[in-house]
Every structure is written in structure tokens, then in C-alpha cells.
Amino acid sequence: MAEAAEIRPLARTDDRSGFSCGQADLDRFFEHYAGPNQFKLHLAVTYVAVVGGQVVGFATVAASSLERKHVPDAQRRRRFPGYPLPVLRLARLGVDARAQGNGVGTALLRHVFRLAVDQRDALGCVGVVTDAKTHAVGFYDRLGFVPLEGVLEGLLAGEPVPMFLPIDVIAAAT
């Protein structure tokens, strides 16, 4: 991919029907649910990477919270108050199969990390939480995410593994 991707919020007019990342559940979410969740229900915002007018990747984010007892680092956990802590949830991330290996996923993650720092400064945010598919745990682990203990997701084989990346780590990298 010679042209850099433009990253922007999903538009109602974006064609999502031809997107295929190789994960049927992500493709189905992007085609059928990303729009209604953003434009009708206001549950999340999906950011798209666009190259040559084609959507080649997406990341869906939402405001969320994390209980202090689930913060993986004991030192960080002691610093926080005992009520739910604001986080940015990376709910979905997908790159079209034709664009995989070209830095689209990295560009989308950088964008998400900038959103987390902006959220920290505007509203409060202690980090990013993602529900990593089992095949993607290693990818998130290499970025510094750590599994969350005791969170309800990820209980059965094949279910997402909740992972956390602290905002100070994100801010130092952006």
C-alpha cells in the first residue's frame, strides 16, 4: 500500500459490504452493527482507515470503566480511588485481508492511543481495555497489554481475553 491511510470516523455513506478481514464475526459487526451502534444507539464510535476511497480497516471504541481491584499492577491499583475508573475500550479492530501487513492496524492503534490520551486530558482515563480474541493475545501482549484477572470475559476457551494498557505507558509512546 503506497498511499497512507486517512483515519476518520465512520460516515453513513461508507461502503462496508466488501470488507473482509478473515474473521466472520468482525466482518459481520462492521457491515451490520458499526453504523447503528454509532449513528442510532450512540454506543460507540468506529474509526475507519481509508485508502483510495476504500475502507481498509476499522477500530471501534467506547467509553467504559474498570473496577480498581482489576487493575493488574498493585502499585497503580493503590494510587486509584475505590470507585470505577474511566477507560477507553477498544471494542473491535479489523484490517481488510487485502491490506493486512501494510501498517493499517498499527495506524489505527496509534489513533486509538491518541484518543485515550485526549480522553485522559478532557474527561479522565487510566488506560485502554480490549477484549482480545485468543489468536490476538500475543499481538496485544507485544504492545504491553496485560491480561485482566477476575474480569468476566474470557472465562471459556475461545472467548475474548480482557487486557489492559495503562495510560502512562500510552502517553510515553505517543
C-alpha atoms as a PDB file:
ATOM      1  CA  MET A   1       0.000   0.000   0.000  1.00  0.00           C
ATOM      2  CA  ALA A   2       1.834   3.063  -1.253  1.00  0.00           C
ATOM      3  CA  GLU A   3      -0.729   5.635  -0.131  1.00  0.00           C
ATOM      4  CA  ALA A   4      -1.045   6.473   3.582  1.00  0.00           C
ATOM      5  CA  ALA A   5      -4.390   5.717   5.159  1.00  0.00           C
ATOM      6  CA  GLU A   6      -6.689   8.530   6.212  1.00  0.00           C
ATOM      7  CA  ILE A   7      -8.222   7.731   9.601  1.00  0.00           C
ATOM      8  CA  ARG A   8     -11.576   9.300  10.358  1.00  0.00           C
ATOM      9  CA  PRO A   9     -14.919   8.468  11.957  1.00  0.00           C
ATOM     10  CA  LEU A  10     -17.178   6.128  10.017  1.00  0.00           C
ATOM     11  CA  ALA A  11     -19.569   8.002   7.723  1.00  0.00           C
ATOM     12  CA  ARG A  12     -23.104   6.831   6.971  1.00  0.00           C
ATOM     13  CA  THR A  13     -22.151   6.684   3.297  1.00  0.00           C
ATOM     14  CA  ASP A  14     -19.102   4.412   3.724  1.00  0.00           C
ATOM     15  CA  ASP A  15     -19.493   1.128   1.841  1.00  0.00           C
ATOM     16  CA  ARG A  16     -18.907  -1.623   4.384  1.00  0.00           C
ATOM     17  CA  SER A  17     -20.256  -4.538   2.338  1.00  0.00           C
ATOM     18  CA  GLY A  18     -16.984  -5.570   0.660  1.00  0.00           C
ATOM     19  CA  PHE A  19     -14.845  -5.508   3.798  1.00  0.00           C
ATOM     20  CA  SER A  20     -13.321  -8.855   4.782  1.00  0.00           C
ATOM     21  CA  CYS A  21     -10.643  -9.277   7.445  1.00  0.00           C
ATOM     22  CA  GLY A  22     -10.842 -13.056   7.609  1.00  0.00           C
ATOM     23  CA  GLN A  23     -12.840 -13.078  10.856  1.00  0.00           C
ATOM     24  CA  ALA A  24     -16.547 -13.595  10.114  1.00  0.00           C
ATOM     25  CA  ASP A  25     -17.704 -12.086  13.406  1.00  0.00           C
ATOM     26  CA  LEU A  26     -15.671  -8.887  12.851  1.00  0.00           C
ATOM     27  CA  ASP A  27     -16.851  -8.619   9.236  1.00  0.00           C
ATOM     28  CA  ARG A  28     -20.481  -9.067  10.341  1.00  0.00           C
ATOM     29  CA  PHE A  29     -20.078  -6.475  13.105  1.00  0.00           C
ATOM     30  CA  PHE A  30     -18.556  -3.928  10.732  1.00  0.00           C
ATOM     31  CA  GLU A  31     -21.147  -4.426   7.994  1.00  0.00           C
ATOM     32  CA  HIS A  32     -24.289  -4.675  10.118  1.00  0.00           C
ATOM     33  CA  TYR A  33     -23.701  -3.176  13.573  1.00  0.00           C
ATOM     34  CA  ALA A  34     -20.976  -0.499  13.468  1.00  0.00           C
ATOM     35  CA  GLY A  35     -23.307   2.019  11.798  1.00  0.00           C
ATOM     36  CA  PRO A  36     -26.352   1.562  14.049  1.00  0.00           C
ATOM     37  CA  ASN A  37     -24.165   1.460  17.172  1.00  0.00           C
ATOM     38  CA  GLN A  38     -22.626   4.793  16.183  1.00  0.00           C
ATOM     39  CA  PHE A  39     -25.428   6.721  14.489  1.00  0.00           C
ATOM     40  CA  LYS A  40     -28.598   5.423  16.152  1.00  0.00           C
ATOM     41  CA  LEU A  41     -27.698   3.997  19.558  1.00  0.00           C
ATOM     42  CA  HIS A  42     -24.619   6.151  20.279  1.00  0.00           C
ATOM     43  CA  LEU A  43     -22.878   3.226  21.990  1.00  0.00           C
ATOM     44  CA  ALA A  44     -19.503   3.527  20.290  1.00  0.00           C
ATOM     45  CA  VAL A  45     -17.615   5.281  17.512  1.00  0.00           C
ATOM     46  CA  THR A  46     -15.966   3.380  14.699  1.00  0.00           C
ATOM     47  CA  TYR A  47     -12.907   4.926  13.087  1.00  0.00           C
ATOM     48  CA  VAL A  48     -12.029   3.780   9.589  1.00  0.00           C
ATOM     49  CA  ALA A  49      -8.773   3.709   7.670  1.00  0.00           C
ATOM     50  CA  VAL A  50      -9.417   4.740   4.085  1.00  0.00           C
ATOM     51  CA  VAL A  51      -7.064   4.372   1.134  1.00  0.00           C
ATOM     52  CA  GLY A  52      -8.103   5.407  -2.361  1.00  0.00           C
ATOM     53  CA  GLY A  53     -11.717   5.767  -1.264  1.00  0.00           C
ATOM     54  CA  GLN A  54     -11.837   2.190   0.090  1.00  0.00           C
ATOM     55  CA  VAL A  55     -12.231   1.279   3.757  1.00  0.00           C
ATOM     56  CA  VAL A  56      -9.240  -0.944   4.568  1.00  0.00           C
ATOM     57  CA  GLY A  57      -9.558  -1.128   8.355  1.00  0.00           C
ATOM     58  CA  PHE A  58     -11.608  -0.105  11.350  1.00  0.00           C
ATOM     59  CA  ALA A  59     -11.369   0.330  15.103  1.00  0.00           C
ATOM     60  CA  THR A  60     -14.417   0.684  17.311  1.00  0.00           C
ATOM     61  CA  VAL A  61     -14.033   2.445  20.660  1.00  0.00           C
ATOM     62  CA  ALA A  62     -16.338   3.230  23.548  1.00  0.00           C
ATOM     63  CA  ALA A  63     -16.136   4.840  26.946  1.00  0.00           C
ATOM     64  CA  SER A  64     -16.021   2.263  29.682  1.00  0.00           C
ATOM     65  CA  SER A  65     -14.869   1.699  33.244  1.00  0.00           C
ATOM     66  CA  LEU A  66     -12.749  -0.719  35.185  1.00  0.00           C
ATOM     67  CA  GLU A  67     -13.011  -1.585  38.870  1.00  0.00           C
ATOM     68  CA  ARG A  68      -9.885  -0.704  40.807  1.00  0.00           C
ATOM     69  CA  LYS A  69      -9.482  -4.292  42.017  1.00  0.00           C
ATOM     70  CA  HIS A  70      -8.934  -5.384  38.389  1.00  0.00           C
ATOM     71  CA  VAL A  71      -6.026  -3.021  37.688  1.00  0.00           C
ATOM     72  CA  PRO A  72      -3.191  -5.523  37.165  1.00  0.00           C
ATOM     73  CA  ASP A  73      -0.332  -3.607  38.817  1.00  0.00           C
ATOM     74  CA  ALA A  74      -0.592  -3.417  42.635  1.00  0.00           C
ATOM     75  CA  GLN A  75       1.316  -0.117  42.788  1.00  0.00           C
ATOM     76  CA  ARG A  76      -1.043   1.517  40.278  1.00  0.00           C
ATOM     77  CA  ARG A  77      -4.055  -0.035  41.988  1.00  0.00           C
ATOM     78  CA  ARG A  78      -3.120   1.590  45.325  1.00  0.00           C
ATOM     79  CA  ARG A  79      -2.948   5.044  43.683  1.00  0.00           C
ATOM     80  CA  PHE A  80      -6.550   4.892  42.473  1.00  0.00           C
ATOM     81  CA  PRO A  81      -9.752   5.540  44.445  1.00  0.00           C
ATOM     82  CA  GLY A  82     -12.163   2.693  45.165  1.00  0.00           C
ATOM     83  CA  TYR A  83     -14.780   3.586  42.543  1.00  0.00           C
ATOM     84  CA  PRO A  84     -14.948   2.599  38.851  1.00  0.00           C
ATOM     85  CA  LEU A  85     -12.078   4.027  36.834  1.00  0.00           C
ATOM     86  CA  PRO A  86     -12.602   5.557  33.376  1.00  0.00           C
ATOM     87  CA  VAL A  87     -11.013   3.673  30.471  1.00  0.00           C
ATOM     88  CA  LEU A  88     -11.278   3.691  26.703  1.00  0.00           C
ATOM     89  CA  ARG A  89     -12.456   0.314  25.426  1.00  0.00           C
ATOM     90  CA  LEU A  90     -11.088  -0.880  22.124  1.00  0.00           C
ATOM     91  CA  ALA A  91     -14.114  -2.992  21.259  1.00  0.00           C
ATOM     92  CA  ARG A  92     -13.217  -4.135  17.736  1.00  0.00           C
ATOM     93  CA  LEU A  93     -10.229  -3.890  15.389  1.00  0.00           C
ATOM     94  CA  GLY A  94     -10.099  -5.291  11.880  1.00  0.00           C
ATOM     95  CA  VAL A  95      -7.969  -4.857   8.764  1.00  0.00           C
ATOM     96  CA  ASP A  96      -9.181  -5.939   5.340  1.00  0.00           C
ATOM     97  CA  ALA A  97      -7.297  -9.020   4.132  1.00  0.00           C
ATOM     98  CA  ARG A  98      -6.046  -7.108   1.064  1.00  0.00           C
ATOM     99  CA  ALA A  99      -4.379  -4.513   3.332  1.00  0.00           C
ATOM    100  CA  GLN A 100      -3.003  -6.737   6.103  1.00  0.00           C
ATOM    101  CA  GLY A 101       0.711  -6.386   6.719  1.00  0.00           C
ATOM    102  CA  ASN A 102       0.781  -2.802   5.443  1.00  0.00           C
ATOM    103  CA  GLY A 103       0.640  -0.937   8.760  1.00  0.00           C
ATOM    104  CA  VAL A 104      -3.099  -0.231   8.767  1.00  0.00           C
ATOM    105  CA  GLY A 105      -3.655  -1.924  12.134  1.00  0.00           C
ATOM    106  CA  THR A 106      -0.724  -0.037  13.639  1.00  0.00           C
ATOM    107  CA  ALA A 107      -2.057   3.274  12.329  1.00  0.00           C
ATOM    108  CA  LEU A 108      -5.495   2.529  13.786  1.00  0.00           C
ATOM    109  CA  LEU A 109      -3.989   1.619  17.160  1.00  0.00           C
ATOM    110  CA  ARG A 110      -1.941   4.827  17.213  1.00  0.00           C
ATOM    111  CA  HIS A 111      -5.168   6.716  16.587  1.00  0.00           C
ATOM    112  CA  VAL A 112      -6.905   4.868  19.427  1.00  0.00           C
ATOM    113  CA  PHE A 113      -3.990   5.640  21.743  1.00  0.00           C
ATOM    114  CA  ARG A 114      -4.217   9.352  20.855  1.00  0.00           C
ATOM    115  CA  LEU A 115      -7.952   9.200  21.629  1.00  0.00           C
ATOM    116  CA  ALA A 116      -7.141   7.684  25.046  1.00  0.00           C
ATOM    117  CA  VAL A 117      -4.681  10.486  25.833  1.00  0.00           C
ATOM    118  CA  ASP A 118      -7.255  13.055  24.699  1.00  0.00           C
ATOM    119  CA  GLN A 119      -9.862  11.363  26.905  1.00  0.00           C
ATOM    120  CA  ARG A 120      -7.396  11.448  29.820  1.00  0.00           C
ATOM    121  CA  ASP A 121      -6.951  15.185  29.386  1.00  0.00           C
ATOM    122  CA  ALA A 122     -10.617  16.035  28.745  1.00  0.00           C
ATOM    123  CA  LEU A 123     -12.572  13.580  30.906  1.00  0.00           C
ATOM    124  CA  GLY A 124     -10.232  11.207  32.679  1.00  0.00           C
ATOM    125  CA  CYS A 125      -8.822   7.888  31.507  1.00  0.00           C
ATOM    126  CA  VAL A 126      -6.493   5.424  33.232  1.00  0.00           C
ATOM    127  CA  GLY A 127      -5.859   3.214  30.191  1.00  0.00           C
ATOM    128  CA  VAL A 128      -7.183   1.176  27.304  1.00  0.00           C
ATOM    129  CA  VAL A 129      -9.030  -2.103  27.755  1.00  0.00           C
ATOM    130  CA  THR A 130      -9.520  -4.528  24.902  1.00  0.00           C
ATOM    131  CA  ASP A 131     -11.181  -7.899  24.658  1.00  0.00           C
ATOM    132  CA  ALA A 132      -8.513  -9.732  22.687  1.00  0.00           C
ATOM    133  CA  LYS A 133      -9.523 -12.692  20.575  1.00  0.00           C
ATOM    134  CA  THR A 134      -7.498 -15.715  21.665  1.00  0.00           C
ATOM    135  CA  HIS A 135      -5.431 -15.637  18.445  1.00  0.00           C
ATOM    136  CA  ALA A 136      -4.598 -11.934  19.039  1.00  0.00           C
ATOM    137  CA  VAL A 137      -3.431 -12.137  22.666  1.00  0.00           C
ATOM    138  CA  GLY A 138       0.237 -12.331  21.595  1.00  0.00           C
ATOM    139  CA  PHE A 139      -0.186  -9.232  19.411  1.00  0.00           C
ATOM    140  CA  TYR A 140      -1.584  -7.181  22.304  1.00  0.00           C
ATOM    141  CA  ASP A 141       0.963  -8.663  24.708  1.00  0.00           C
ATOM    142  CA  ARG A 142       3.808  -7.381  22.491  1.00  0.00           C
ATOM    143  CA  LEU A 143       2.271  -3.892  22.715  1.00  0.00           C
ATOM    144  CA  GLY A 144       2.401  -4.020  26.516  1.00  0.00           C
ATOM    145  CA  PHE A 145      -1.197  -5.005  27.276  1.00  0.00           C
ATOM    146  CA  VAL A 146      -1.565  -7.334  30.261  1.00  0.00           C
ATOM    147  CA  PRO A 147      -4.446  -9.724  30.967  1.00  0.00           C
ATOM    148  CA  LEU A 148      -7.038  -8.594  33.497  1.00  0.00           C
ATOM    149  CA  GLU A 149      -7.656 -11.068  36.299  1.00  0.00           C
ATOM    150  CA  GLY A 150     -11.180 -11.659  37.560  1.00  0.00           C
ATOM    151  CA  VAL A 151     -12.996  -9.835  34.760  1.00  0.00           C
ATOM    152  CA  LEU A 152     -15.977 -11.823  33.493  1.00  0.00           C
ATOM    153  CA  GLU A 153     -14.974 -12.056  29.828  1.00  0.00           C
ATOM    154  CA  GLY A 154     -12.564 -14.758  28.738  1.00  0.00           C
ATOM    155  CA  LEU A 155     -13.896 -17.498  31.003  1.00  0.00           C
ATOM    156  CA  LEU A 156     -14.314 -20.174  28.346  1.00  0.00           C
ATOM    157  CA  ALA A 157     -11.859 -21.374  25.716  1.00  0.00           C
ATOM    158  CA  GLY A 158     -12.193 -19.246  22.606  1.00  0.00           C
ATOM    159  CA  GLU A 159     -13.776 -16.287  24.390  1.00  0.00           C
ATOM    160  CA  PRO A 160     -12.022 -12.904  24.386  1.00  0.00           C
ATOM    161  CA  VAL A 161      -9.296 -12.252  26.928  1.00  0.00           C
ATOM    162  CA  PRO A 162      -9.696  -8.825  28.577  1.00  0.00           C
ATOM    163  CA  MET A 163      -6.386  -6.930  28.521  1.00  0.00           C
ATOM    164  CA  PHE A 164      -5.251  -3.550  29.837  1.00  0.00           C
ATOM    165  CA  LEU A 165      -2.639  -0.972  28.816  1.00  0.00           C
ATOM    166  CA  PRO A 166      -2.026   1.887  31.312  1.00  0.00           C
ATOM    167  CA  ILE A 167      -2.381   5.468  30.124  1.00  0.00           C
ATOM    168  CA  ASP A 168       1.116   6.435  31.291  1.00  0.00           C
ATOM    169  CA  VAL A 169       2.587   3.757  29.012  1.00  0.00           C
ATOM    170  CA  ILE A 170       0.420   5.018  26.150  1.00  0.00           C
ATOM    171  CA  ALA A 171       1.306   8.675  26.752  1.00  0.00           C
ATOM    172  CA  ALA A 172       5.033   7.886  26.836  1.00  0.00           C
ATOM    173  CA  ALA A 173       4.746   6.154  23.451  1.00  0.00           C
ATOM    174  CA  THR A 174       2.671   8.807  21.640  1.00  0.00           C
END
